[in-house]
Amino acid sequence: MVSDEELASTILHKLVRKRKWGHSHTSFANLSKSAPSHLKGDFKRIAEQLIKERLLISKPTSYGLEVSLNPQKAEKIKQIVRKYFRTAF
């Protein structure tokens, strides 16, 4: 079983790798694209939680919700990602 913290780290790591900080957005639907089908609902729930925690910035558009990493929370995001991934920042 995958913990919520691991899923949050996976979502954040994906956005960090793609350099989606601040004004560089990606579709909310893209966050769960690489997830196994049985975890897609959990990915959506965790992503919504990350938006509430202000780690992700949401931007509603006419074609759907867009998200990006909050640059003001960069240290906390990096700390979460480092816990599960070996990433050089």
PDB file of N, CA and C in Angstrom:
ATOM      1  N   MET A   1       0.838  -1.181   0.000  1.00  0.00           N
ATOM      2  CA  MET A   1       0.000   0.000   0.000  1.00  0.00           C
ATOM      3  C   MET A   1       0.879   1.240   0.000  1.00  0.00           C
ATOM      4  N   VAL A   2       0.525   2.188  -0.817  1.00  0.00           N
ATOM      5  CA  VAL A   2       1.293   3.416  -0.960  1.00  0.00           C
ATOM      6  C   VAL A   2       0.698   4.474  -0.034  1.00  0.00           C
ATOM      7  N   SER A   3       1.569   5.148   0.722  1.00  0.00           N
ATOM      8  CA  SER A   3       1.087   6.166   1.656  1.00  0.00           C
ATOM      9  C   SER A   3       0.755   7.468   0.928  1.00  0.00           C
ATOM     10  N   ASP A   4      -0.046   8.288   1.580  1.00  0.00           N
ATOM     11  CA  ASP A   4      -0.401   9.597   1.024  1.00  0.00           C
ATOM     12  C   ASP A   4       0.839  10.464   0.846  1.00  0.00           C
ATOM     13  N   GLU A   5       1.779  10.345   1.768  1.00  0.00           N
ATOM     14  CA  GLU A   5       3.008  11.126   1.690  1.00  0.00           C
ATOM     15  C   GLU A   5       3.845  10.737   0.462  1.00  0.00           C
ATOM     16  N   GLU A   6       3.878   9.450   0.153  1.00  0.00           N
ATOM     17  CA  GLU A   6       4.599   8.991  -1.041  1.00  0.00           C
ATOM     18  C   GLU A   6       3.932   9.496  -2.319  1.00  0.00           C
ATOM     19  N   LEU A   7       2.603   9.497  -2.347  1.00  0.00           N
ATOM     20  CA  LEU A   7       1.884   9.999  -3.513  1.00  0.00           C
ATOM     21  C   LEU A   7       2.115  11.504  -3.684  1.00  0.00           C
ATOM     22  N   ALA A   8       2.089  12.240  -2.580  1.00  0.00           N
ATOM     23  CA  ALA A   8       2.352  13.681  -2.643  1.00  0.00           C
ATOM     24  C   ALA A   8       3.758  13.935  -3.164  1.00  0.00           C
ATOM     25  N   SER A   9       4.713  13.155  -2.688  1.00  0.00           N
ATOM     26  CA  SER A   9       6.091  13.296  -3.136  1.00  0.00           C
ATOM     27  C   SER A   9       6.218  12.986  -4.624  1.00  0.00           C
ATOM     28  N   THR A  10       5.490  11.991  -5.098  1.00  0.00           N
ATOM     29  CA  THR A  10       5.513  11.621  -6.514  1.00  0.00           C
ATOM     30  C   THR A  10       4.958  12.747  -7.385  1.00  0.00           C
ATOM     31  N   ILE A  11       3.847  13.332  -6.961  1.00  0.00           N
ATOM     32  CA  ILE A  11       3.246  14.444  -7.708  1.00  0.00           C
ATOM     33  C   ILE A  11       4.206  15.622  -7.756  1.00  0.00           C
ATOM     34  N   LEU A  12       4.754  15.988  -6.605  1.00  0.00           N
ATOM     35  CA  LEU A  12       5.671  17.132  -6.547  1.00  0.00           C
ATOM     36  C   LEU A  12       6.939  16.871  -7.357  1.00  0.00           C
ATOM     37  N   HIS A  13       7.454  15.639  -7.279  1.00  0.00           N
ATOM     38  CA  HIS A  13       8.664  15.287  -8.026  1.00  0.00           C
ATOM     39  C   HIS A  13       8.435  15.418  -9.532  1.00  0.00           C
ATOM     40  N   LYS A  14       7.277  14.980  -9.985  1.00  0.00           N
ATOM     41  CA  LYS A  14       6.947  15.077 -11.408  1.00  0.00           C
ATOM     42  C   LYS A  14       6.954  16.535 -11.862  1.00  0.00           C
ATOM     43  N   LEU A  15       6.373  17.416 -11.062  1.00  0.00           N
ATOM     44  CA  LEU A  15       6.330  18.838 -11.426  1.00  0.00           C
ATOM     45  C   LEU A  15       7.700  19.502 -11.314  1.00  0.00           C
ATOM     46  N   VAL A  16       8.504  19.085 -10.330  1.00  0.00           N
ATOM     47  CA  VAL A  16       9.866  19.629 -10.188  1.00  0.00           C
ATOM     48  C   VAL A  16      10.702  19.236 -11.403  1.00  0.00           C
ATOM     49  N   ARG A  17      10.619  17.969 -11.820  1.00  0.00           N
ATOM     50  CA  ARG A  17      11.377  17.505 -12.991  1.00  0.00           C
ATOM     51  C   ARG A  17      11.003  18.289 -14.240  1.00  0.00           C
ATOM     52  N   LYS A  18       9.725  18.629 -14.368  1.00  0.00           N
ATOM     53  CA  LYS A  18       9.251  19.361 -15.550  1.00  0.00           C
ATOM     54  C   LYS A  18       9.381  20.875 -15.400  1.00  0.00           C
ATOM     55  N   ARG A  19       9.948  21.311 -14.271  1.00  0.00           N
ATOM     56  CA  ARG A  19      10.178  22.735 -13.978  1.00  0.00           C
ATOM     57  C   ARG A  19       8.897  23.557 -14.058  1.00  0.00           C
ATOM     58  N   LYS A  20       7.865  23.095 -13.401  1.00  0.00           N
ATOM     59  CA  LYS A  20       6.565  23.764 -13.402  1.00  0.00           C
ATOM     60  C   LYS A  20       6.419  24.656 -12.167  1.00  0.00           C
ATOM     61  N   TRP A  21       7.288  25.656 -12.061  1.00  0.00           N
ATOM     62  CA  TRP A  21       7.282  26.603 -10.951  1.00  0.00           C
ATOM     63  C   TRP A  21       6.570  27.880 -11.370  1.00  0.00           C
ATOM     64  N   GLY A  22       5.739  28.421 -10.507  1.00  0.00           N
ATOM     65  CA  GLY A  22       5.132  29.728 -10.727  1.00  0.00           C
ATOM     66  C   GLY A  22       4.227  29.807 -11.937  1.00  0.00           C
ATOM     67  N   HIS A  23       4.652  30.547 -12.956  1.00  0.00           N
ATOM     68  CA  HIS A  23       3.796  30.810 -14.110  1.00  0.00           C
ATOM     69  C   HIS A  23       3.810  29.703 -15.156  1.00  0.00           C
ATOM     70  N   SER A  24       4.621  28.687 -14.977  1.00  0.00           N
ATOM     71  CA  SER A  24       4.627  27.556 -15.897  1.00  0.00           C
ATOM     72  C   SER A  24       3.647  26.516 -15.363  1.00  0.00           C
ATOM     73  N   HIS A  25       2.521  26.351 -16.027  1.00  0.00           N
ATOM     74  CA  HIS A  25       1.445  25.480 -15.554  1.00  0.00           C
ATOM     75  C   HIS A  25       1.348  24.197 -16.367  1.00  0.00           C
ATOM     76  N   THR A  26       0.669  23.231 -15.763  1.00  0.00           N
ATOM     77  CA  THR A  26       0.303  22.005 -16.460  1.00  0.00           C
ATOM     78  C   THR A  26      -1.124  21.654 -16.060  1.00  0.00           C
ATOM     79  N   SER A  27      -1.777  20.883 -16.859  1.00  0.00           N
ATOM     80  CA  SER A  27      -3.161  20.512 -16.593  1.00  0.00           C
ATOM     81  C   SER A  27      -3.259  19.634 -15.345  1.00  0.00           C
ATOM     82  N   PHE A  28      -4.288  19.860 -14.560  1.00  0.00           N
ATOM     83  CA  PHE A  28      -4.542  19.057 -13.364  1.00  0.00           C
ATOM     84  C   PHE A  28      -4.683  17.581 -13.742  1.00  0.00           C
ATOM     85  N   ALA A  29      -5.273  17.312 -14.897  1.00  0.00           N
ATOM     86  CA  ALA A  29      -5.471  15.928 -15.352  1.00  0.00           C
ATOM     87  C   ALA A  29      -4.143  15.222 -15.625  1.00  0.00           C
ATOM     88  N   ASN A  30      -3.090  15.981 -15.967  1.00  0.00           N
ATOM     89  CA  ASN A  30      -1.789  15.380 -16.254  1.00  0.00           C
ATOM     90  C   ASN A  30      -1.105  14.814 -15.018  1.00  0.00           C
ATOM     91  N   LEU A  31      -1.520  15.232 -13.832  1.00  0.00           N
ATOM     92  CA  LEU A  31      -0.857  14.777 -12.617  1.00  0.00           C
ATOM     93  C   LEU A  31      -0.995  13.275 -12.396  1.00  0.00           C
ATOM     94  N   SER A  32      -2.102  12.704 -12.828  1.00  0.00           N
ATOM     95  CA  SER A  32      -2.325  11.278 -12.592  1.00  0.00           C
ATOM     96  C   SER A  32      -2.109  10.426 -13.838  1.00  0.00           C
ATOM     97  N   LYS A  33      -1.580  11.001 -14.901  1.00  0.00           N
ATOM     98  CA  LYS A  33      -1.410  10.249 -16.153  1.00  0.00           C
ATOM     99  C   LYS A  33      -0.516   9.025 -16.000  1.00  0.00           C
ATOM    100  N   SER A  34       0.562   9.145 -15.268  1.00  0.00           N
ATOM    101  CA  SER A  34       1.502   8.031 -15.157  1.00  0.00           C
ATOM    102  C   SER A  34       1.146   7.075 -14.013  1.00  0.00           C
ATOM    103  N   ALA A  35       0.081   7.363 -13.288  1.00  0.00           N
ATOM    104  CA  ALA A  35      -0.302   6.547 -12.135  1.00  0.00           C
ATOM    105  C   ALA A  35      -1.019   5.276 -12.569  1.00  0.00           C
ATOM    106  N   PRO A  36      -0.860   4.205 -11.804  1.00  0.00           N
ATOM    107  CA  PRO A  36      -1.636   2.992 -12.073  1.00  0.00           C
ATOM    108  C   PRO A  36      -3.129   3.301 -11.922  1.00  0.00           C
ATOM    109  N   SER A  37      -3.953   2.618 -12.653  1.00  0.00           N
ATOM    110  CA  SER A  37      -5.387   2.925 -12.680  1.00  0.00           C
ATOM    111  C   SER A  37      -6.036   2.843 -11.292  1.00  0.00           C
ATOM    112  N   HIS A  38      -5.567   1.938 -10.438  1.00  0.00           N
ATOM    113  CA  HIS A  38      -6.179   1.807  -9.120  1.00  0.00           C
ATOM    114  C   HIS A  38      -5.785   2.932  -8.160  1.00  0.00           C
ATOM    115  N   LEU A  39      -4.804   3.794  -8.559  1.00  0.00           N
ATOM    116  CA  LEU A  39      -4.372   4.901  -7.702  1.00  0.00           C
ATOM    117  C   LEU A  39      -4.788   6.273  -8.237  1.00  0.00           C
ATOM    118  N   LYS A  40      -5.431   6.330  -9.378  1.00  0.00           N
ATOM    119  CA  LYS A  40      -5.779   7.624  -9.985  1.00  0.00           C
ATOM    120  C   LYS A  40      -6.665   8.478  -9.073  1.00  0.00           C
ATOM    121  N   GLY A  41      -7.616   7.869  -8.399  1.00  0.00           N
ATOM    122  CA  GLY A  41      -8.473   8.604  -7.466  1.00  0.00           C
ATOM    123  C   GLY A  41      -7.681   9.175  -6.302  1.00  0.00           C
ATOM    124  N   ASP A  42      -6.722   8.386  -5.811  1.00  0.00           N
ATOM    125  CA  ASP A  42      -5.872   8.857  -4.715  1.00  0.00           C
ATOM    126  C   ASP A  42      -4.992  10.019  -5.174  1.00  0.00           C
ATOM    127  N   PHE A  43      -4.480   9.953  -6.399  1.00  0.00           N
ATOM    128  CA  PHE A  43      -3.668  11.032  -6.935  1.00  0.00           C
ATOM    129  C   PHE A  43      -4.464  12.333  -6.970  1.00  0.00           C
ATOM    130  N   LYS A  44      -5.723  12.247  -7.412  1.00  0.00           N
ATOM    131  CA  LYS A  44      -6.569  13.436  -7.495  1.00  0.00           C
ATOM    132  C   LYS A  44      -6.815  14.007  -6.101  1.00  0.00           C
ATOM    133  N   ARG A  45      -7.104  13.138  -5.153  1.00  0.00           N
ATOM    134  CA  ARG A  45      -7.376  13.569  -3.778  1.00  0.00           C
ATOM    135  C   ARG A  45      -6.151  14.241  -3.163  1.00  0.00           C
ATOM    136  N   ILE A  46      -4.984  13.643  -3.362  1.00  0.00           N
ATOM    137  CA  ILE A  46      -3.749  14.204  -2.808  1.00  0.00           C
ATOM    138  C   ILE A  46      -3.410  15.530  -3.482  1.00  0.00           C
ATOM    139  N   ALA A  47      -3.610  15.621  -4.794  1.00  0.00           N
ATOM    140  CA  ALA A  47      -3.340  16.870  -5.509  1.00  0.00           C
ATOM    141  C   ALA A  47      -4.238  17.994  -4.991  1.00  0.00           C
ATOM    142  N   GLU A  48      -5.497  17.688  -4.729  1.00  0.00           N
ATOM    143  CA  GLU A  48      -6.403  18.685  -4.165  1.00  0.00           C
ATOM    144  C   GLU A  48      -5.945  19.113  -2.778  1.00  0.00           C
ATOM    145  N   GLN A  49      -5.417  18.173  -2.011  1.00  0.00           N
ATOM    146  CA  GLN A  49      -4.884  18.476  -0.684  1.00  0.00           C
ATOM    147  C   GLN A  49      -3.647  19.380  -0.797  1.00  0.00           C
ATOM    148  N   LEU A  50      -2.787  19.128  -1.786  1.00  0.00           N
ATOM    149  CA  LEU A  50      -1.596  19.964  -1.993  1.00  0.00           C
ATOM    150  C   LEU A  50      -1.989  21.390  -2.382  1.00  0.00           C
ATOM    151  N   ILE A  51      -3.093  21.531  -3.099  1.00  0.00           N
ATOM    152  CA  ILE A  51      -3.590  22.872  -3.439  1.00  0.00           C
ATOM    153  C   ILE A  51      -4.053  23.582  -2.167  1.00  0.00           C
ATOM    154  N   LYS A  52      -4.763  22.866  -1.294  1.00  0.00           N
ATOM    155  CA  LYS A  52      -5.223  23.460  -0.032  1.00  0.00           C
ATOM    156  C   LYS A  52      -4.054  23.858   0.857  1.00  0.00           C
ATOM    157  N   GLU A  53      -2.963  23.089   0.812  1.00  0.00           N
ATOM    158  CA  GLU A  53      -1.774  23.395   1.608  1.00  0.00           C
ATOM    159  C   GLU A  53      -0.910  24.477   0.967  1.00  0.00           C
ATOM    160  N   ARG A  54      -1.323  24.950  -0.222  1.00  0.00           N
ATOM    161  CA  ARG A  54      -0.639  26.006  -0.968  1.00  0.00           C
ATOM    162  C   ARG A  54       0.731  25.569  -1.498  1.00  0.00           C
ATOM    163  N   LEU A  55       0.982  24.258  -1.575  1.00  0.00           N
ATOM    164  CA  LEU A  55       2.203  23.776  -2.211  1.00  0.00           C
ATOM    165  C   LEU A  55       2.044  23.819  -3.722  1.00  0.00           C
ATOM    166  N   LEU A  56       0.796  23.662  -4.182  1.00  0.00           N
ATOM    167  CA  LEU A  56       0.464  23.811  -5.592  1.00  0.00           C
ATOM    168  C   LEU A  56      -0.409  25.054  -5.755  1.00  0.00           C
ATOM    169  N   ILE A  57      -0.170  25.783  -6.820  1.00  0.00           N
ATOM    170  CA  ILE A  57      -0.985  26.943  -7.158  1.00  0.00           C
ATOM    171  C   ILE A  57      -1.956  26.499  -8.242  1.00  0.00           C
ATOM    172  N   SER A  58      -3.227  26.791  -8.049  1.00  0.00           N
ATOM    173  CA  SER A  58      -4.220  26.422  -9.058  1.00  0.00           C
ATOM    174  C   SER A  58      -4.598  27.655  -9.878  1.00  0.00           C
ATOM    175  N   LYS A  59      -4.893  27.413 -11.143  1.00  0.00           N
ATOM    176  CA  LYS A  59      -5.296  28.482 -12.050  1.00  0.00           C
ATOM    177  C   LYS A  59      -6.451  27.960 -12.899  1.00  0.00           C
ATOM    178  N   PRO A  60      -7.671  28.395 -12.593  1.00  0.00           N
ATOM    179  CA  PRO A  60      -8.801  27.963 -13.412  1.00  0.00           C
ATOM    180  C   PRO A  60      -8.743  28.618 -14.795  1.00  0.00           C
ATOM    181  N   THR A  61      -8.995  27.841 -15.819  1.00  0.00           N
ATOM    182  CA  THR A  61      -9.015  28.353 -17.190  1.00  0.00           C
ATOM    183  C   THR A  61     -10.298  27.897 -17.863  1.00  0.00           C
ATOM    184  N   SER A  62     -10.529  28.389 -19.054  1.00  0.00           N
ATOM    185  CA  SER A  62     -11.739  28.004 -19.779  1.00  0.00           C
ATOM    186  C   SER A  62     -11.696  26.537 -20.217  1.00  0.00           C
ATOM    187  N   TYR A  63     -10.510  25.966 -20.290  1.00  0.00           N
ATOM    188  CA  TYR A  63     -10.362  24.590 -20.757  1.00  0.00           C
ATOM    189  C   TYR A  63     -10.011  23.615 -19.642  1.00  0.00           C
ATOM    190  N   GLY A  64     -10.052  24.058 -18.383  1.00  0.00           N
ATOM    191  CA  GLY A  64      -9.799  23.175 -17.257  1.00  0.00           C
ATOM    192  C   GLY A  64      -8.872  23.795 -16.229  1.00  0.00           C
ATOM    193  N   LEU A  65      -8.643  23.083 -15.158  1.00  0.00           N
ATOM    194  CA  LEU A  65      -7.800  23.561 -14.076  1.00  0.00           C
ATOM    195  C   LEU A  65      -6.330  23.324 -14.405  1.00  0.00           C
ATOM    196  N   GLU A  66      -5.507  24.338 -14.202  1.00  0.00           N
ATOM    197  CA  GLU A  66      -4.065  24.249 -14.394  1.00  0.00           C
ATOM    198  C   GLU A  66      -3.393  24.389 -13.028  1.00  0.00           C
ATOM    199  N   VAL A  67      -2.259  23.726 -12.829  1.00  0.00           N
ATOM    200  CA  VAL A  67      -1.539  23.807 -11.555  1.00  0.00           C
ATOM    201  C   VAL A  67      -0.054  24.019 -11.800  1.00  0.00           C
ATOM    202  N   SER A  68       0.604  24.593 -10.797  1.00  0.00           N
ATOM    203  CA  SER A  68       2.055  24.754 -10.823  1.00  0.00           C
ATOM    204  C   SER A  68       2.562  24.720  -9.385  1.00  0.00           C
ATOM    205  N   LEU A  69       3.867  24.583  -9.227  1.00  0.00           N
ATOM    206  CA  LEU A  69       4.482  24.576  -7.910  1.00  0.00           C
ATOM    207  C   LEU A  69       4.562  26.006  -7.377  1.00  0.00           C
ATOM    208  N   ASN A  70       4.340  26.157  -6.088  1.00  0.00           N
ATOM    209  CA  ASN A  70       4.404  27.466  -5.453  1.00  0.00           C
ATOM    210  C   ASN A  70       5.865  27.798  -5.137  1.00  0.00           C
ATOM    211  N   PRO A  71       6.464  28.800  -5.814  1.00  0.00           N
ATOM    212  CA  PRO A  71       7.869  29.122  -5.565  1.00  0.00           C
ATOM    213  C   PRO A  71       8.135  29.611  -4.139  1.00  0.00           C
ATOM    214  N   GLN A  72       7.116  30.141  -3.474  1.00  0.00           N
ATOM    215  CA  GLN A  72       7.287  30.604  -2.097  1.00  0.00           C
ATOM    216  C   GLN A  72       7.414  29.441  -1.123  1.00  0.00           C
ATOM    217  N   LYS A  73       7.025  28.263  -1.537  1.00  0.00           N
ATOM    218  CA  LYS A  73       7.113  27.057  -0.696  1.00  0.00           C
ATOM    219  C   LYS A  73       8.184  26.096  -1.226  1.00  0.00           C
ATOM    220  N   ALA A  74       9.168  26.622  -1.938  1.00  0.00           N
ATOM    221  CA  ALA A  74      10.177  25.798  -2.608  1.00  0.00           C
ATOM    222  C   ALA A  74      10.946  24.898  -1.636  1.00  0.00           C
ATOM    223  N   GLU A  75      11.343  25.428  -0.504  1.00  0.00           N
ATOM    224  CA  GLU A  75      12.125  24.616   0.441  1.00  0.00           C
ATOM    225  C   GLU A  75      11.312  23.441   0.977  1.00  0.00           C
ATOM    226  N   LYS A  76      10.062  23.683   1.317  1.00  0.00           N
ATOM    227  CA  LYS A  76       9.208  22.593   1.818  1.00  0.00           C
ATOM    228  C   LYS A  76       8.971  21.553   0.726  1.00  0.00           C
ATOM    229  N   ILE A  77       8.751  22.001  -0.510  1.00  0.00           N
ATOM    230  CA  ILE A  77       8.548  21.080  -1.633  1.00  0.00           C
ATOM    231  C   ILE A  77       9.784  20.228  -1.839  1.00  0.00           C
ATOM    232  N   LYS A  78      10.955  20.844  -1.844  1.00  0.00           N
ATOM    233  CA  LYS A  78      12.211  20.102  -2.032  1.00  0.00           C
ATOM    234  C   LYS A  78      12.431  19.107  -0.905  1.00  0.00           C
ATOM    235  N   GLN A  79      12.071  19.488   0.308  1.00  0.00           N
ATOM    236  CA  GLN A  79      12.231  18.598   1.459  1.00  0.00           C
ATOM    237  C   GLN A  79      11.340  17.355   1.309  1.00  0.00           C
ATOM    238  N   ILE A  80      10.111  17.549   0.858  1.00  0.00           N
ATOM    239  CA  ILE A  80       9.187  16.424   0.659  1.00  0.00           C
ATOM    240  C   ILE A  80       9.700  15.504  -0.445  1.00  0.00           C
ATOM    241  N   VAL A  81      10.178  16.094  -1.538  1.00  0.00           N
ATOM    242  CA  VAL A  81      10.663  15.299  -2.672  1.00  0.00           C
ATOM    243  C   VAL A  81      11.913  14.519  -2.280  1.00  0.00           C
ATOM    244  N   ARG A  82      12.828  15.141  -1.556  1.00  0.00           N
ATOM    245  CA  ARG A  82      14.073  14.468  -1.151  1.00  0.00           C
ATOM    246  C   ARG A  82      13.826  13.259  -0.267  1.00  0.00           C
ATOM    247  N   LYS A  83      12.719  13.236   0.438  1.00  0.00           N
ATOM    248  CA  LYS A  83      12.433  12.126   1.346  1.00  0.00           C
ATOM    249  C   LYS A  83      12.287  10.804   0.596  1.00  0.00           C
ATOM    250  N   TYR A  84      11.767  10.849  -0.646  1.00  0.00           N
ATOM    251  CA  TYR A  84      11.519   9.625  -1.401  1.00  0.00           C
ATOM    252  C   TYR A  84      12.316   9.512  -2.698  1.00  0.00           C
ATOM    253  N   PHE A  85      12.931  10.610  -3.143  1.00  0.00           N
ATOM    254  CA  PHE A  85      13.665  10.596  -4.402  1.00  0.00           C
ATOM    255  C   PHE A  85      15.049  11.193  -4.193  1.00  0.00           C
ATOM    256  N   ARG A  86      16.022  10.643  -4.869  1.00  0.00           N
ATOM    257  CA  ARG A  86      17.375  11.210  -4.856  1.00  0.00           C
ATOM    258  C   ARG A  86      17.467  12.234  -5.956  1.00  0.00           C
ATOM    259  N   THR A  87      17.252  13.474  -5.605  1.00  0.00           N
ATOM    260  CA  THR A  87      17.224  14.544  -6.575  1.00  0.00           C
ATOM    261  C   THR A  87      18.219  15.611  -6.167  1.00  0.00           C
ATOM    262  N   ALA A  88      19.017  16.044  -7.122  1.00  0.00           N
ATOM    263  CA  ALA A  88      19.953  17.140  -6.872  1.00  0.00           C
ATOM    264  C   ALA A  88      19.260  18.460  -7.196  1.00  0.00           C
ATOM    265  N   PHE A  89      19.157  19.311  -6.200  1.00  0.00           N
ATOM    266  CA  PHE A  89      18.555  20.633  -6.403  1.00  0.00           C
ATOM    267  C   PHE A  89      19.634  21.678  -6.386  1.00  0.00           C
TER     268      PHE A  89
END
